[in-house]
PDB file of all heavy atoms in Angstrom:
ATOM      1  N   GLU A   1       0.808  -1.217   0.000  1.00  0.00           N
ATOM      2  CA  GLU A   1       0.000   0.000   0.000  1.00  0.00           C
ATOM      3  C   GLU A   1       0.846   1.274   0.000  1.00  0.00           C
ATOM      4  O   GLU A   1       0.341   2.366  -0.296  1.00  0.00           O
ATOM      5  CB  GLU A   1      -0.934   0.013   1.221  1.00  0.00           C
ATOM      6  CG  GLU A   1      -2.044  -1.027   1.193  1.00  0.00           C
ATOM      7  CD  GLU A   1      -1.541  -2.435   1.504  1.00  0.00           C
ATOM      8  OE1 GLU A   1      -0.594  -2.569   2.302  1.00  0.00           O
ATOM      9  OE2 GLU A   1      -2.098  -3.395   0.927  1.00  0.00           O
ATOM     10  N   ASN A   2       2.133   1.155   0.355  1.00  0.00           N
ATOM     11  CA  ASN A   2       2.969   2.355   0.449  1.00  0.00           C
ATOM     12  C   ASN A   2       3.242   3.024  -0.890  1.00  0.00           C
ATOM     13  O   ASN A   2       3.698   4.173  -0.941  1.00  0.00           O
ATOM     14  CB  ASN A   2       4.307   2.025   1.132  1.00  0.00           C
ATOM     15  CG  ASN A   2       4.184   1.821   2.626  1.00  0.00           C
ATOM     16  OD1 ASN A   2       5.014   1.152   3.241  1.00  0.00           O
ATOM     17  ND2 ASN A   2       3.145   2.376   3.235  1.00  0.00           N
ATOM     18  N   TRP A   3       2.954   2.319  -1.997  1.00  0.00           N
ATOM     19  CA  TRP A   3       3.119   2.943  -3.300  1.00  0.00           C
ATOM     20  C   TRP A   3       2.168   4.129  -3.483  1.00  0.00           C
ATOM     21  O   TRP A   3       2.365   4.962  -4.375  1.00  0.00           O
ATOM     22  CB  TRP A   3       2.862   1.922  -4.412  1.00  0.00           C
ATOM     23  CG  TRP A   3       3.846   0.791  -4.447  1.00  0.00           C
ATOM     24  CD1 TRP A   3       3.633  -0.495  -4.046  1.00  0.00           C
ATOM     25  CD2 TRP A   3       5.213   0.828  -4.912  1.00  0.00           C
ATOM     26  NE1 TRP A   3       4.772  -1.263  -4.222  1.00  0.00           N
ATOM     27  CE2 TRP A   3       5.756  -0.470  -4.757  1.00  0.00           C
ATOM     28  CE3 TRP A   3       6.016   1.842  -5.448  1.00  0.00           C
ATOM     29  CZ2 TRP A   3       7.059  -0.781  -5.112  1.00  0.00           C
ATOM     30  CZ3 TRP A   3       7.324   1.537  -5.792  1.00  0.00           C
ATOM     31  CH2 TRP A   3       7.836   0.238  -5.628  1.00  0.00           C
ATOM     32  N   LYS A   4       1.145   4.205  -2.638  1.00  0.00           N
ATOM     33  CA  LYS A   4       0.170   5.295  -2.740  1.00  0.00           C
ATOM     34  C   LYS A   4       0.738   6.628  -2.243  1.00  0.00           C
ATOM     35  O   LYS A   4       0.115   7.682  -2.438  1.00  0.00           O
ATOM     36  CB  LYS A   4      -1.091   4.953  -1.929  1.00  0.00           C
ATOM     37  CG  LYS A   4      -1.814   3.694  -2.390  1.00  0.00           C
ATOM     38  CD  LYS A   4      -2.954   3.355  -1.444  1.00  0.00           C
ATOM     39  CE  LYS A   4      -3.621   2.041  -1.817  1.00  0.00           C
ATOM     40  NZ  LYS A   4      -4.690   1.668  -0.837  1.00  0.00           N
ATOM     41  N   ARG A   5       1.886   6.582  -1.595  1.00  0.00           N
ATOM     42  CA  ARG A   5       2.479   7.816  -1.085  1.00  0.00           C
ATOM     43  C   ARG A   5       3.013   8.660  -2.239  1.00  0.00           C
ATOM     44  O   ARG A   5       3.058   8.222  -3.377  1.00  0.00           O
ATOM     45  CB  ARG A   5       3.585   7.481  -0.087  1.00  0.00           C
ATOM     46  CG  ARG A   5       3.069   6.739   1.131  1.00  0.00           C
ATOM     47  CD  ARG A   5       4.133   6.535   2.172  1.00  0.00           C
ATOM     48  NE  ARG A   5       3.605   5.832   3.345  1.00  0.00           N
ATOM     49  CZ  ARG A   5       4.285   5.641   4.475  1.00  0.00           C
ATOM     50  NH1 ARG A   5       5.525   6.086   4.579  1.00  0.00           N
ATOM     51  NH2 ARG A   5       3.729   4.996   5.481  1.00  0.00           N
ATOM     52  N   SER A   6       3.425   9.873  -1.949  1.00  0.00           N
ATOM     53  CA  SER A   6       3.877  10.788  -2.994  1.00  0.00           C
ATOM     54  C   SER A   6       5.077  10.211  -3.739  1.00  0.00           C
ATOM     55  O   SER A   6       5.853   9.419  -3.189  1.00  0.00           O
ATOM     56  CB  SER A   6       4.262  12.137  -2.385  1.00  0.00           C
ATOM     57  OG  SER A   6       5.462  12.021  -1.627  1.00  0.00           O
ATOM     58  N   VAL A   7       5.216  10.620  -4.991  1.00  0.00           N
ATOM     59  CA  VAL A   7       6.352  10.162  -5.801  1.00  0.00           C
ATOM     60  C   VAL A   7       7.659  10.546  -5.121  1.00  0.00           C
ATOM     61  O   VAL A   7       8.616   9.758  -5.093  1.00  0.00           O
ATOM     62  CB  VAL A   7       6.279  10.775  -7.218  1.00  0.00           C
ATOM     63  CG1 VAL A   7       7.545  10.444  -7.999  1.00  0.00           C
ATOM     64  CG2 VAL A   7       5.050  10.263  -7.956  1.00  0.00           C
ATOM     65  N   GLU A   8       7.708  11.730  -4.551  1.00  0.00           N
ATOM     66  CA  GLU A   8       8.925  12.196  -3.882  1.00  0.00           C
ATOM     67  C   GLU A   8       9.300  11.282  -2.719  1.00  0.00           C
ATOM     68  O   GLU A   8      10.467  10.900  -2.559  1.00  0.00           O
ATOM     69  CB  GLU A   8       8.726  13.623  -3.374  1.00  0.00           C
ATOM     70  CG  GLU A   8       9.945  14.192  -2.644  1.00  0.00           C
ATOM     71  CD  GLU A   8       9.686  15.575  -2.070  1.00  0.00           C
ATOM     72  OE1 GLU A   8       8.499  15.994  -2.039  1.00  0.00           O
ATOM     73  OE2 GLU A   8      10.654  16.216  -1.647  1.00  0.00           O
ATOM     74  N   GLU A   9       8.289  10.904  -1.911  1.00  0.00           N
ATOM     75  CA  GLU A   9       8.584  10.064  -0.756  1.00  0.00           C
ATOM     76  C   GLU A   9       8.988   8.658  -1.179  1.00  0.00           C
ATOM     77  O   GLU A   9       9.951   8.092  -0.651  1.00  0.00           O
ATOM     78  CB  GLU A   9       7.369   9.999   0.182  1.00  0.00           C
ATOM     79  CG  GLU A   9       7.656   9.194   1.448  1.00  0.00           C
ATOM     80  CD  GLU A   9       6.542   9.280   2.475  1.00  0.00           C
ATOM     81  OE1 GLU A   9       5.562  10.029   2.259  1.00  0.00           O
ATOM     82  OE2 GLU A   9       6.653   8.595   3.503  1.00  0.00           O
ATOM     83  N   VAL A  10       8.268   8.081  -2.142  1.00  0.00           N
ATOM     84  CA  VAL A  10       8.603   6.730  -2.602  1.00  0.00           C
ATOM     85  C   VAL A  10      10.000   6.703  -3.224  1.00  0.00           C
ATOM     86  O   VAL A  10      10.789   5.795  -2.973  1.00  0.00           O
ATOM     87  CB  VAL A  10       7.549   6.215  -3.603  1.00  0.00           C
ATOM     88  CG1 VAL A  10       8.013   4.915  -4.251  1.00  0.00           C
ATOM     89  CG2 VAL A  10       6.212   6.001  -2.901  1.00  0.00           C
ATOM     90  N   THR A  11      10.317   7.716  -4.026  1.00  0.00           N
ATOM     91  CA  THR A  11      11.646   7.793  -4.636  1.00  0.00           C
ATOM     92  C   THR A  11      12.722   7.875  -3.562  1.00  0.00           C
ATOM     93  O   THR A  11      13.756   7.195  -3.641  1.00  0.00           O
ATOM     94  CB  THR A  11      11.744   9.024  -5.561  1.00  0.00           C
ATOM     95  OG1 THR A  11      10.764   8.915  -6.596  1.00  0.00           O
ATOM     96  CG2 THR A  11      13.132   9.119  -6.189  1.00  0.00           C
ATOM     97  N   GLY A  12      12.476   8.677  -2.539  1.00  0.00           N
ATOM     98  CA  GLY A  12      13.427   8.784  -1.434  1.00  0.00           C
ATOM     99  C   GLY A  12      13.581   7.480  -0.683  1.00  0.00           C
ATOM    100  O   GLY A  12      14.698   7.088  -0.310  1.00  0.00           O
ATOM    101  N   LEU A  13      12.474   6.787  -0.470  1.00  0.00           N
ATOM    102  CA  LEU A  13      12.519   5.498   0.228  1.00  0.00           C
ATOM    103  C   LEU A  13      13.343   4.480  -0.559  1.00  0.00           C
ATOM    104  O   LEU A  13      14.109   3.704   0.015  1.00  0.00           O
ATOM    105  CB  LEU A  13      11.104   4.970   0.445  1.00  0.00           C
ATOM    106  CG  LEU A  13      10.327   5.583   1.615  1.00  0.00           C
ATOM    107  CD1 LEU A  13       8.844   5.261   1.504  1.00  0.00           C
ATOM    108  CD2 LEU A  13      10.891   5.077   2.942  1.00  0.00           C
ATOM    109  N   MET A  14      13.191   4.485  -1.878  1.00  0.00           N
ATOM    110  CA  MET A  14      13.944   3.540  -2.702  1.00  0.00           C
ATOM    111  C   MET A  14      15.441   3.855  -2.691  1.00  0.00           C
ATOM    112  O   MET A  14      16.281   2.950  -2.716  1.00  0.00           O
ATOM    113  CB  MET A  14      13.408   3.535  -4.130  1.00  0.00           C
ATOM    114  CG  MET A  14      12.011   2.938  -4.257  1.00  0.00           C
ATOM    115  SD  MET A  14      11.935   1.207  -3.712  1.00  0.00           S
ATOM    116  CE  MET A  14      10.485   1.256  -2.639  1.00  0.00           C
ATOM    117  N   LEU A  15      15.794   5.143  -2.628  1.00  0.00           N
ATOM    118  CA  LEU A  15      17.206   5.514  -2.513  1.00  0.00           C
ATOM    119  C   LEU A  15      17.788   5.039  -1.179  1.00  0.00           C
ATOM    120  O   LEU A  15      18.908   4.521  -1.127  1.00  0.00           O
ATOM    121  CB  LEU A  15      17.358   7.033  -2.644  1.00  0.00           C
ATOM    122  CG  LEU A  15      17.145   7.619  -4.043  1.00  0.00           C
ATOM    123  CD1 LEU A  15      17.166   9.146  -3.985  1.00  0.00           C
ATOM    124  CD2 LEU A  15      18.212   7.111  -5.005  1.00  0.00           C
ATOM    125  N   ILE A  16      17.006   5.198  -0.120  1.00  0.00           N
ATOM    126  CA  ILE A  16      17.442   4.729   1.201  1.00  0.00           C
ATOM    127  C   ILE A  16      17.584   3.211   1.201  1.00  0.00           C
ATOM    128  O   ILE A  16      18.533   2.653   1.759  1.00  0.00           O
ATOM    129  CB  ILE A  16      16.446   5.198   2.281  1.00  0.00           C
ATOM    130  CG1 ILE A  16      16.503   6.719   2.427  1.00  0.00           C
ATOM    131  CG2 ILE A  16      16.735   4.514   3.617  1.00  0.00           C
ATOM    132  CD1 ILE A  16      15.369   7.308   3.247  1.00  0.00           C
ATOM    133  N   LEU A  17      16.648   2.536   0.539  1.00  0.00           N
ATOM    134  CA  LEU A  17      16.696   1.075   0.442  1.00  0.00           C
ATOM    135  C   LEU A  17      17.958   0.626  -0.288  1.00  0.00           C
ATOM    136  O   LEU A  17      18.627  -0.318   0.136  1.00  0.00           O
ATOM    137  CB  LEU A  17      15.453   0.557  -0.266  1.00  0.00           C
ATOM    138  CG  LEU A  17      15.428  -0.931  -0.601  1.00  0.00           C
ATOM    139  CD1 LEU A  17      15.494  -1.772   0.670  1.00  0.00           C
ATOM    140  CD2 LEU A  17      14.188  -1.276  -1.414  1.00  0.00           C
ATOM    141  N   ARG A  18      18.257   1.276  -1.387  1.00  0.00           N
ATOM    142  CA  ARG A  18      19.460   0.911  -2.143  1.00  0.00           C
ATOM    143  C   ARG A  18      20.707   1.033  -1.275  1.00  0.00           C
ATOM    144  O   ARG A  18      21.580   0.162  -1.288  1.00  0.00           O
ATOM    145  CB  ARG A  18      19.595   1.808  -3.378  1.00  0.00           C
ATOM    146  CG  ARG A  18      18.617   1.481  -4.507  1.00  0.00           C
ATOM    147  CD  ARG A  18      18.809   2.429  -5.690  1.00  0.00           C
ATOM    148  NE  ARG A  18      18.048   1.993  -6.859  1.00  0.00           N
ATOM    149  CZ  ARG A  18      16.822   2.390  -7.146  1.00  0.00           C
ATOM    150  NH1 ARG A  18      16.200   3.250  -6.338  1.00  0.00           N
ATOM    151  NH2 ARG A  18      16.207   1.948  -8.232  1.00  0.00           N
ATOM    152  N   ASP A  19      20.784   2.115  -0.530  1.00  0.00           N
ATOM    153  CA  ASP A  19      21.937   2.335   0.349  1.00  0.00           C
ATOM    154  C   ASP A  19      21.995   1.274   1.438  1.00  0.00           C
ATOM    155  O   ASP A  19      23.075   0.746   1.755  1.00  0.00           O
ATOM    156  CB  ASP A  19      21.843   3.732   0.963  1.00  0.00           C
ATOM    157  CG  ASP A  19      23.050   4.079   1.818  1.00  0.00           C
ATOM    158  OD1 ASP A  19      24.179   4.055   1.286  1.00  0.00           O
ATOM    159  OD2 ASP A  19      22.855   4.368   3.013  1.00  0.00           O
ATOM    160  N   PHE A  20      20.830   0.940   1.994  1.00  0.00           N
ATOM    161  CA  PHE A  20      20.767  -0.067   3.054  1.00  0.00           C
ATOM    162  C   PHE A  20      21.218  -1.427   2.531  1.00  0.00           C
ATOM    163  O   PHE A  20      22.002  -2.129   3.181  1.00  0.00           O
ATOM    164  CB  PHE A  20      19.340  -0.162   3.595  1.00  0.00           C
ATOM    165  CG  PHE A  20      19.173  -1.126   4.728  1.00  0.00           C
ATOM    166  CD1 PHE A  20      19.438  -0.738   6.034  1.00  0.00           C
ATOM    167  CD2 PHE A  20      18.758  -2.438   4.507  1.00  0.00           C
ATOM    168  CE1 PHE A  20      19.298  -1.636   7.085  1.00  0.00           C
ATOM    169  CE2 PHE A  20      18.614  -3.330   5.535  1.00  0.00           C
ATOM    170  CZ  PHE A  20      18.888  -2.927   6.842  1.00  0.00           C
ATOM    171  N   LEU A  21      20.742  -1.817   1.363  1.00  0.00           N
ATOM    172  CA  LEU A  21      21.118  -3.104   0.778  1.00  0.00           C
ATOM    173  C   LEU A  21      22.614  -3.143   0.475  1.00  0.00           C
ATOM    174  O   LEU A  21      23.278  -4.167   0.712  1.00  0.00           O
ATOM    175  CB  LEU A  21      20.322  -3.361  -0.499  1.00  0.00           C
ATOM    176  CG  LEU A  21      18.816  -3.596  -0.331  1.00  0.00           C
ATOM    177  CD1 LEU A  21      18.118  -3.603  -1.689  1.00  0.00           C
ATOM    178  CD2 LEU A  21      18.548  -4.900   0.411  1.00  0.00           C
ATOM    179  N   ARG A  22      23.149  -2.031  -0.022  1.00  0.00           N
ATOM    180  CA  ARG A  22      24.568  -1.975  -0.355  1.00  0.00           C
ATOM    181  C   ARG A  22      25.436  -2.180   0.883  1.00  0.00           C
ATOM    182  O   ARG A  22      26.408  -2.945   0.866  1.00  0.00           O
ATOM    183  CB  ARG A  22      24.893  -0.627  -1.002  1.00  0.00           C
ATOM    184  CG  ARG A  22      26.363  -0.439  -1.359  1.00  0.00           C
ATOM    185  CD  ARG A  22      26.604   0.945  -1.930  1.00  0.00           C
ATOM    186  NE  ARG A  22      26.181   2.000  -1.036  1.00  0.00           N
ATOM    187  CZ  ARG A  22      26.896   2.408   0.019  1.00  0.00           C
ATOM    188  NH1 ARG A  22      28.060   1.824   0.309  1.00  0.00           N
ATOM    189  NH2 ARG A  22      26.450   3.378   0.790  1.00  0.00           N
ATOM    190  N   LYS A  23      25.078  -1.506   1.975  1.00  0.00           N
ATOM    191  CA  LYS A  23      25.873  -1.607   3.200  1.00  0.00           C
ATOM    192  C   LYS A  23      25.666  -2.928   3.922  1.00  0.00           C
ATOM    193  O   LYS A  23      26.519  -3.364   4.694  1.00  0.00           O
ATOM    194  CB  LYS A  23      25.524  -0.452   4.142  1.00  0.00           C
ATOM    195  CG  LYS A  23      25.928   0.915   3.623  1.00  0.00           C
ATOM    196  CD  LYS A  23      25.749   1.984   4.692  1.00  0.00           C
ATOM    197  CE  LYS A  23      24.310   2.152   5.091  1.00  0.00           C
ATOM    198  NZ  LYS A  23      24.123   3.262   6.066  1.00  0.00           N
ATOM    199  N   SER A  24      24.516  -3.567   3.663  1.00  0.00           N
ATOM    200  CA  SER A  24      24.162  -4.767   4.436  1.00  0.00           C
ATOM    201  C   SER A  24      25.057  -5.966   4.149  1.00  0.00           C
ATOM    202  O   SER A  24      25.239  -6.814   5.021  1.00  0.00           O
ATOM    203  CB  SER A  24      22.697  -5.145   4.174  1.00  0.00           C
ATOM    204  OG  SER A  24      21.826  -4.219   4.781  1.00  0.00           O
ATOM    205  N   ILE A  25      25.599  -6.069   2.943  1.00  0.00           N
ATOM    206  CA  ILE A  25      26.447  -7.227   2.626  1.00  0.00           C
ATOM    207  C   ILE A  25      27.650  -7.266   3.553  1.00  0.00           C
ATOM    208  O   ILE A  25      27.948  -8.298   4.172  1.00  0.00           O
ATOM    209  CB  ILE A  25      26.883  -7.196   1.150  1.00  0.00           C
ATOM    210  CG1 ILE A  25      25.675  -7.463   0.244  1.00  0.00           C
ATOM    211  CG2 ILE A  25      27.981  -8.226   0.901  1.00  0.00           C
ATOM    212  CD1 ILE A  25      26.000  -7.446  -1.237  1.00  0.00           C
ATOM    213  N   GLU A  26      28.349  -6.146   3.674  1.00  0.00           N
ATOM    214  CA  GLU A  26      29.520  -6.099   4.549  1.00  0.00           C
ATOM    215  C   GLU A  26      29.128  -6.293   6.004  1.00  0.00           C
ATOM    216  O   GLU A  26      29.757  -7.072   6.729  1.00  0.00           O
ATOM    217  CB  GLU A  26      30.242  -4.761   4.386  1.00  0.00           C
ATOM    218  CG  GLU A  26      31.481  -4.636   5.260  1.00  0.00           C
ATOM    219  CD  GLU A  26      32.192  -3.301   5.099  1.00  0.00           C
ATOM    220  OE1 GLU A  26      31.797  -2.527   4.210  1.00  0.00           O
ATOM    221  OE2 GLU A  26      33.137  -3.051   5.865  1.00  0.00           O
ATOM    222  N   LYS A  27      28.075  -5.607   6.430  1.00  0.00           N
ATOM    223  CA  LYS A  27      27.656  -5.708   7.823  1.00  0.00           C
ATOM    224  C   LYS A  27      27.161  -7.113   8.164  1.00  0.00           C
ATOM    225  O   LYS A  27      27.436  -7.641   9.248  1.00  0.00           O
ATOM    226  CB  LYS A  27      26.556  -4.680   8.116  1.00  0.00           C
ATOM    227  CG  LYS A  27      27.049  -3.251   8.219  1.00  0.00           C
ATOM    228  CD  LYS A  27      25.919  -2.318   8.564  1.00  0.00           C
ATOM    229  CE  LYS A  27      26.428  -0.905   8.810  1.00  0.00           C
ATOM    230  NZ  LYS A  27      27.233  -0.808  10.045  1.00  0.00           N
ATOM    231  N   ALA A  28      26.428  -7.716   7.234  1.00  0.00           N
ATOM    232  CA  ALA A  28      25.871  -9.045   7.491  1.00  0.00           C
ATOM    233  C   ALA A  28      26.969 -10.074   7.669  1.00  0.00           C
ATOM    234  O   ALA A  28      26.924 -10.907   8.586  1.00  0.00           O
ATOM    235  CB  ALA A  28      24.937  -9.450   6.356  1.00  0.00           C
ATOM    236  N   ASN A  29      27.960 -10.051   6.802  1.00  0.00           N
ATOM    237  CA  ASN A  29      29.044 -11.028   6.914  1.00  0.00           C
ATOM    238  C   ASN A  29      29.916 -10.761   8.136  1.00  0.00           C
ATOM    239  O   ASN A  29      30.398 -11.691   8.779  1.00  0.00           O
ATOM    240  CB  ASN A  29      29.877 -11.032   5.638  1.00  0.00           C
ATOM    241  CG  ASN A  29      29.157 -11.746   4.497  1.00  0.00           C
ATOM    242  OD1 ASN A  29      28.394 -12.683   4.726  1.00  0.00           O
ATOM    243  ND2 ASN A  29      29.377 -11.295   3.272  1.00  0.00           N
ATOM    244  N   LYS A  30      30.093  -9.503   8.467  1.00  0.00           N
ATOM    245  CA  LYS A  30      30.858  -9.153   9.663  1.00  0.00           C
ATOM    246  C   LYS A  30      30.168  -9.670  10.915  1.00  0.00           C
ATOM    247  O   LYS A  30      30.814 -10.149  11.855  1.00  0.00           O
ATOM    248  CB  LYS A  30      31.021  -7.633   9.744  1.00  0.00           C
ATOM    249  CG  LYS A  30      31.761  -7.163  10.992  1.00  0.00           C
ATOM    250  CD  LYS A  30      31.827  -5.640  11.026  1.00  0.00           C
ATOM    251  CE  LYS A  30      32.477  -5.161  12.315  1.00  0.00           C
ATOM    252  NZ  LYS A  30      32.505  -3.668  12.373  1.00  0.00           N
ATOM    253  N   ASN A  31      28.836  -9.592  10.932  1.00  0.00           N
ATOM    254  CA  ASN A  31      28.059  -9.981  12.116  1.00  0.00           C
ATOM    255  C   ASN A  31      27.440 -11.377  12.002  1.00  0.00           C
ATOM    256  O   ASN A  31      26.608 -11.755  12.828  1.00  0.00           O
ATOM    257  CB  ASN A  31      26.957  -8.950  12.365  1.00  0.00           C
ATOM    258  CG  ASN A  31      27.506  -7.573  12.663  1.00  0.00           C
ATOM    259  OD1 ASN A  31      28.477  -7.439  13.385  1.00  0.00           O
ATOM    260  ND2 ASN A  31      26.896  -6.543  12.090  1.00  0.00           N
ATOM    261  N   ASN A  32      27.818 -12.136  10.962  1.00  0.00           N
ATOM    262  CA  ASN A  32      27.317 -13.498  10.774  1.00  0.00           C
ATOM    263  C   ASN A  32      25.789 -13.525  10.661  1.00  0.00           C
ATOM    264  O   ASN A  32      25.122 -14.430  11.159  1.00  0.00           O
ATOM    265  CB  ASN A  32      27.784 -14.408  11.929  1.00  0.00           C
ATOM    266  CG  ASN A  32      27.579 -15.886  11.631  1.00  0.00           C
ATOM    267  OD1 ASN A  32      27.584 -16.315  10.481  1.00  0.00           O
ATOM    268  ND2 ASN A  32      27.386 -16.670  12.672  1.00  0.00           N
ATOM    269  N   MET A  33      25.227 -12.530  10.001  1.00  0.00           N
ATOM    270  CA  MET A  33      23.767 -12.381   9.897  1.00  0.00           C
ATOM    271  C   MET A  33      23.269 -12.872   8.546  1.00  0.00           C
ATOM    272  O   MET A  33      23.857 -12.564   7.509  1.00  0.00           O
ATOM    273  CB  MET A  33      23.403 -10.904  10.068  1.00  0.00           C
ATOM    274  CG  MET A  33      21.930 -10.580   9.853  1.00  0.00           C
ATOM    275  SD  MET A  33      21.558  -8.835  10.177  1.00  0.00           S
ATOM    276  CE  MET A  33      22.389  -8.037   8.794  1.00  0.00           C
ATOM    277  N   ARG A  34      22.193 -13.622   8.575  1.00  0.00           N
ATOM    278  CA  ARG A  34      21.542 -14.027   7.333  1.00  0.00           C
ATOM    279  C   ARG A  34      20.394 -13.069   7.038  1.00  0.00           C
ATOM    280  O   ARG A  34      19.596 -12.753   7.923  1.00  0.00           O
ATOM    281  CB  ARG A  34      20.995 -15.452   7.439  1.00  0.00           C
ATOM    282  CG  ARG A  34      20.342 -15.917   6.134  1.00  0.00           C
ATOM    283  CD  ARG A  34      19.799 -17.325   6.228  1.00  0.00           C
ATOM    284  NE  ARG A  34      19.193 -17.723   4.951  1.00  0.00           N
ATOM    285  CZ  ARG A  34      18.556 -18.876   4.751  1.00  0.00           C
ATOM    286  NH1 ARG A  34      18.454 -19.762   5.733  1.00  0.00           N
ATOM    287  NH2 ARG A  34      18.031 -19.160   3.566  1.00  0.00           N
ATOM    288  N   VAL A  35      20.311 -12.617   5.796  1.00  0.00           N
ATOM    289  CA  VAL A  35      19.272 -11.671   5.406  1.00  0.00           C
ATOM    290  C   VAL A  35      18.366 -12.304   4.353  1.00  0.00           C
ATOM    291  O   VAL A  35      18.845 -12.920   3.399  1.00  0.00           O
ATOM    292  CB  VAL A  35      19.874 -10.369   4.836  1.00  0.00           C
ATOM    293  CG1 VAL A  35      18.766  -9.359   4.533  1.00  0.00           C
ATOM    294  CG2 VAL A  35      20.877  -9.765   5.820  1.00  0.00           C
TER     295      VAL A  35
END
């Protein structure tokens, strides 16, 4: 349902998601975390 939010907010959320996914590989392996 979150796609109903403004284009600006959804675009910002996707940028944050991309950054989170990028950083998660290093952090996950460092902390032995499965994602």
